[in-house]
Protein backbone atom coordinates (compact mmCIF):
# COMPACT_ATOMS: atom_id res chain seq x y z
CA MET A 1 -8.90 33.97 7.63
CA ALA A 2 -9.64 30.42 6.02
CA ALA A 3 -10.83 27.63 8.23
CA VAL A 4 -9.20 24.36 8.26
CA LEU A 5 -10.65 22.36 5.28
CA PHE A 6 -10.14 19.00 6.51
CA LEU A 7 -12.95 16.58 6.52
CA SER A 8 -12.72 12.95 7.71
CA THR A 9 -14.30 11.36 4.70
CA SER A 10 -12.05 8.64 3.30
CA CYS A 11 -11.85 6.14 0.45
CA SER A 12 -12.43 3.39 3.26
CA SER A 13 -16.13 3.91 2.83
CA LYS A 14 -16.32 3.23 -0.78
CA LYS A 15 -18.44 0.56 -2.33
CA ALA A 16 -16.53 -2.67 -3.67
CA VAL A 17 -15.46 -2.50 -7.10
CA THR A 18 -15.14 -5.26 -9.52
CA LYS A 19 -13.56 -5.48 -12.90
CA THR A 20 -16.92 -5.88 -14.70
CA SER A 21 -18.34 -2.78 -12.90
CA LEU A 22 -15.61 -0.45 -14.09
CA ARG A 23 -16.68 2.09 -16.62
CA GLU A 24 -15.18 1.87 -20.12
CA PHE A 25 -12.68 4.63 -21.11
CA THR A 26 -10.03 5.37 -23.90
CA ALA A 27 -6.68 6.46 -22.16
CA ARG A 28 -7.39 10.04 -23.17
CA GLN A 29 -10.92 9.98 -21.51
CA LEU A 30 -9.49 8.56 -18.33
CA ILE A 31 -6.66 11.04 -18.19
CA LYS A 32 -9.19 13.78 -18.44
CA GLU A 33 -11.19 12.40 -15.50
CA VAL A 34 -8.03 12.24 -13.29
CA ASP A 35 -7.12 15.80 -14.46
CA ASP A 36 -10.62 16.99 -13.54
CA ASN A 37 -10.26 15.58 -9.97
CA ALA A 38 -6.50 16.57 -9.59
CA PHE A 39 -6.15 18.39 -6.09
CA ASP A 40 -6.01 21.98 -6.50
CA TYR A 41 -4.67 24.84 -4.20
CA GLU A 42 -2.85 28.24 -4.28
CA ASN A 43 -0.93 27.33 -1.12
CA MET A 44 -0.92 24.59 1.28
CA MET A 45 0.08 23.81 4.96
CA SER A 46 0.08 20.36 6.82
CA LYS A 47 1.34 18.72 9.82
CA ILE A 48 3.58 15.74 8.69
CA SER A 49 4.95 12.67 10.15
CA VAL A 50 8.06 11.30 8.26
CA LYS A 51 9.79 7.77 8.49
CA VAL A 52 12.94 7.28 6.39
CA VAL A 53 14.57 3.94 6.04
CA THR A 54 18.22 4.21 4.36
CA ASN A 55 21.44 2.45 4.92
CA ASP A 56 19.78 0.17 7.51
CA LYS A 57 18.94 3.11 9.70
CA ASN A 58 15.16 4.09 10.69
CA ILE A 59 14.67 7.82 11.40
CA ASN A 60 11.32 9.10 12.64
CA MET A 61 10.48 12.83 12.27
CA LYS A 62 7.60 15.18 12.74
CA GLY A 63 7.13 18.85 11.29
CA GLN A 64 5.29 20.95 8.76
CA LEU A 65 5.10 21.12 5.12
CA ARG A 66 4.08 24.23 3.39
CA MET A 67 3.78 24.97 -0.31
CA GLN A 68 3.24 27.85 -2.66
CA LYS A 69 1.92 26.43 -5.89
CA ASP A 70 4.60 26.51 -8.65
CA SER A 71 6.76 28.72 -6.39
CA ILE A 72 8.02 27.34 -3.20
CA ILE A 73 8.23 24.06 -1.06
CA TRP A 74 9.13 24.58 2.58
CA THR A 75 9.51 22.03 5.41
CA SER A 76 10.66 21.98 9.03
CA LEU A 77 11.57 18.50 10.61
CA SER A 78 12.10 17.69 14.18
CA LEU A 79 12.97 14.59 16.21
CA PRO A 80 10.46 13.11 18.82
CA LEU A 81 11.96 15.44 21.34
CA GLY A 82 10.61 18.31 19.39
CA LEU A 83 13.76 20.24 18.57
CA GLU A 84 14.04 21.11 15.02
CA VAL A 85 16.79 19.47 13.09
CA LEU A 86 16.22 20.33 9.53
CA ARG A 87 14.63 22.89 7.40
CA VAL A 88 14.32 22.85 3.75
CA LYS A 89 13.24 25.35 1.11
CA VAL A 90 13.02 24.54 -2.71
CA SER A 91 12.39 27.22 -5.18
CA THR A 92 11.96 27.09 -8.99
CA ASP A 93 15.81 26.99 -9.38
CA SER A 94 17.42 26.32 -6.19
CA VAL A 95 17.52 24.10 -3.04
CA TYR A 96 18.43 25.04 0.55
CA PHE A 97 19.04 22.90 3.42
CA LEU A 98 19.57 24.01 7.06
CA ASN A 99 21.14 21.45 9.58
CA ARG A 100 20.53 22.61 13.27
CA ASN A 101 22.47 19.53 14.54
CA ASP A 102 25.96 20.57 13.01
CA LYS A 103 25.22 24.31 12.29
CA THR A 104 25.63 24.06 8.52
CA TYR A 105 23.72 24.85 5.60
CA LEU A 106 23.81 23.95 1.99
CA CYS A 107 22.53 25.82 -1.26
CA GLU A 108 22.37 23.95 -4.57
CA ASP A 109 20.83 24.33 -8.07
CA ILE A 110 17.63 22.41 -8.14
CA ASP A 111 19.34 20.14 -10.58
CA VAL A 112 20.89 18.49 -7.80
CA PHE A 113 17.75 16.26 -7.65
CA GLY A 114 18.58 14.96 -11.07
CA ASP A 115 20.74 12.21 -9.51
CA ILE A 116 17.61 10.70 -8.45
CA SER A 117 15.54 11.42 -11.53
CA PRO A 118 15.57 14.16 -14.07
CA LEU A 119 11.90 14.64 -13.50
CA LEU A 120 12.59 15.80 -10.00
CA THR A 121 14.45 19.01 -11.22
CA SER A 122 11.08 20.65 -11.83
CA LEU A 123 9.28 22.15 -8.82
CA PRO A 124 5.80 21.83 -10.17
CA PHE A 125 6.49 18.19 -10.80
CA ILE A 126 7.72 17.67 -7.34
CA GLN A 127 4.76 19.48 -5.84
CA SER A 128 2.46 17.36 -8.10
CA VAL A 129 3.92 14.25 -6.74
CA LEU A 130 3.32 15.44 -3.02
CA VAL A 131 -0.34 15.91 -3.43
CA GLY A 132 -1.00 12.90 -5.78
CA ASN A 133 -1.45 14.70 -9.10
CA ASP A 134 0.44 14.54 -12.49
CA ILE A 135 0.95 17.63 -14.28
CA ASN A 136 2.70 15.90 -17.29
CA LEU A 137 -0.36 13.45 -17.91
CA ARG A 138 -2.95 15.83 -19.18
CA GLU A 139 -4.24 14.23 -22.31
CA SER A 140 -1.27 12.36 -23.52
CA ASP A 141 -1.36 10.11 -26.38
CA ASP A 142 1.60 8.23 -24.93
CA TYR A 143 -0.39 5.67 -22.74
CA LYS A 144 -2.54 2.62 -23.11
CA LEU A 145 -5.21 1.73 -20.72
CA ILE A 146 -5.67 -1.74 -19.14
CA ILE A 147 -7.62 -3.06 -16.14
CA ASP A 148 -5.20 -4.35 -13.50
CA GLY A 149 -7.43 -6.05 -10.76
CA GLU A 150 -9.93 -3.46 -9.66
CA GLN A 151 -8.02 -0.43 -10.92
CA TYR A 152 -7.25 1.42 -14.11
CA ASN A 153 -3.65 1.08 -15.39
CA LEU A 154 -2.12 3.44 -17.82
CA LEU A 155 1.10 2.05 -19.54
CA ILE A 156 3.67 3.53 -22.00
CA SER A 157 2.31 2.86 -25.56
CA LYS A 158 3.88 0.60 -28.12
CA SER A 159 4.38 3.64 -30.47
CA LEU A 160 5.96 5.59 -27.81
CA LYS A 161 8.51 2.60 -27.00
CA LYS A 162 9.23 2.26 -30.74
CA SER A 163 10.13 6.10 -31.08
CA ILE A 164 12.33 5.71 -28.12
CA LYS A 165 14.39 2.91 -29.57
CA GLN A 166 14.92 4.97 -32.67
CA LYS A 167 16.62 7.53 -30.64
CA ASP A 168 20.27 7.92 -29.74
CA GLU A 169 21.20 5.68 -26.76
CA GLU A 170 22.32 8.58 -24.91
CA TRP A 171 18.88 10.05 -24.88
CA LYS A 172 17.60 9.63 -21.59
CA VAL A 173 13.70 9.06 -21.37
CA MET A 174 11.59 8.52 -18.17
CA LEU A 175 8.78 6.27 -18.52
CA LYS A 176 5.87 6.13 -15.98
CA ASP A 177 3.35 3.63 -15.35
CA ILE A 178 0.10 4.92 -13.46
CA TRP A 179 -2.63 3.00 -11.49
CA ILE A 180 -6.05 5.02 -11.03
CA ASP A 181 -8.66 4.45 -8.40
CA PRO A 182 -11.85 3.84 -10.40
CA GLN A 183 -14.28 5.89 -8.04
CA LEU A 184 -12.21 8.90 -6.97
CA TYR A 185 -10.06 8.88 -10.32
CA LYS A 186 -7.12 9.52 -8.08
CA ILE A 187 -3.70 7.97 -8.60
CA THR A 188 -2.93 5.22 -6.21
CA LYS A 189 0.29 3.89 -7.47
CA TYR A 190 3.02 5.51 -9.59
CA ASN A 191 6.30 3.97 -11.01
CA ILE A 192 8.86 6.29 -12.57
CA ARG A 193 11.93 4.46 -14.36
CA GLU A 194 14.55 5.39 -17.05
CA TYR A 195 14.31 3.60 -20.14
CA ASN A 196 16.64 0.63 -20.31
CA ASP A 197 17.69 1.10 -16.77
CA ASN A 198 15.72 -0.85 -14.24
CA LYS A 199 18.31 0.05 -11.42
CA ARG A 200 16.93 3.73 -11.31
CA LYS A 201 13.53 3.95 -10.52
CA ILE A 202 11.10 5.53 -8.10
CA GLU A 203 7.77 3.89 -6.83
CA LEU A 204 4.98 5.78 -5.03
CA GLN A 205 1.91 4.70 -3.47
CA TYR A 206 -0.82 6.89 -2.23
CA SER A 207 -3.67 5.91 0.43
CA ASP A 208 -5.89 7.19 2.87
CA PHE A 209 -7.79 9.75 0.66
CA GLN A 210 -9.33 12.80 2.44
CA LEU A 211 -11.57 15.44 1.11
CA VAL A 212 -10.08 19.00 1.55
CA GLY A 213 -12.38 21.58 -0.03
CA ASP A 214 -13.89 19.90 -2.92
CA LYS A 215 -11.04 17.65 -3.90
CA TYR A 216 -9.37 14.57 -2.54
CA ILE A 217 -5.91 14.37 -1.48
CA PRO A 218 -3.73 11.43 -0.42
CA THR A 219 -2.78 11.61 3.35
CA ARG A 220 -0.33 8.76 3.12
CA ILE A 221 2.40 8.73 0.59
CA SER A 222 5.12 5.65 0.50
CA ILE A 223 8.18 6.42 -1.73
CA ASP A 224 10.55 3.94 -2.76
CA ILE A 225 13.87 5.27 -4.44
CA HIS A 226 16.30 2.87 -6.12
CA GLY A 227 19.52 4.48 -7.38
CA ASP A 228 23.02 4.83 -6.29
CA GLN A 229 21.48 4.49 -2.87
CA HIS A 230 18.03 2.82 -1.72
CA LEU A 231 15.81 5.14 0.43
CA LYS A 232 12.30 4.48 1.50
CA ALA A 233 10.00 7.01 3.16
CA ASP A 234 6.43 7.24 4.50
CA ILE A 235 4.94 10.45 4.68
CA THR A 236 1.66 11.19 6.65
CA TYR A 237 -0.46 14.35 6.42
CA SER A 238 -2.75 15.66 8.99
CA ASN A 239 -4.44 19.14 9.65
CA ILE A 240 -4.38 20.23 6.24
CA ILE A 241 -5.04 23.92 5.49
CA ILE A 242 -5.42 25.51 2.02
CA ASN A 243 -5.39 29.07 0.73
CA ASP A 244 -4.52 30.62 3.93
CA ASN A 245 -1.86 33.27 4.72
CA ILE A 246 1.29 31.29 5.21
CA ASP A 247 4.96 32.31 5.61
CA PHE A 248 8.09 30.54 4.37
CA LEU A 249 10.87 31.90 6.85
CA PHE A 250 14.36 30.69 6.07
CA ASN A 251 17.08 32.45 7.76
CA VAL A 252 20.71 31.19 7.99
CA PRO A 253 22.29 32.21 11.27
CA LYS A 254 25.63 34.06 10.72
CA LYS A 255 27.57 31.35 12.65
CA TYR A 256 26.58 28.56 10.45
CA GLU A 257 29.02 27.04 7.89
CA ARG A 258 28.02 26.63 4.47
CA ILE A 259 29.00 23.26 2.98
CA TYR A 260 29.26 21.95 -0.65
CA ARG A 261 27.93 18.73 -2.17
């Protein structure tokens, strides 16, 4: 049985970085460094604390997150009293929600997340966001590299913007701006937006990096979603275990009523 691979080393002990001390890279070279330092796992389990702010309401929950790479995301969330209120399972093609409060469940195609962003209809992409990776970044020529303060910043290239402008107006393209830590080569900030639509965007910030196994993972993720509704969430990981035996139980009681979106 695998041991808990959770070490207390964090990026707070890093040396100060100045603009003049940053290594010189091309965008392609930096992307390779980020890919080489991507967090890797076959499966993962972590305790989580979640704070959600939406419609002027603050909701605090605790629970567990479990993931099988490229296969399943599973989470169980409880209110402070300790009773489970929500269980969620996401597979490659479906999303399941179990609401303990009103004894209902929902089953939808994963495309339901497309209302937030087309990128979120891919399970591997959602998983990469949850561990601070970007599976679509590898050796892309669509970025230019600049220095922003004490970090690298990958921006969409002019050639890609020009190509987008030549497409049909109905053709939706998601653009990403990415900030990279110059010592860990980990993503620290990540903005996703739809071309020519500044109202629909996702902003992510990663911090409190910890060493699990031989790779770093952010243990705090701040998510800010702008769209039809505004939603903010802070997720904190603790007691991370990787590559152990993990189950993904999701049974719907017979008395629960199915609801439809």
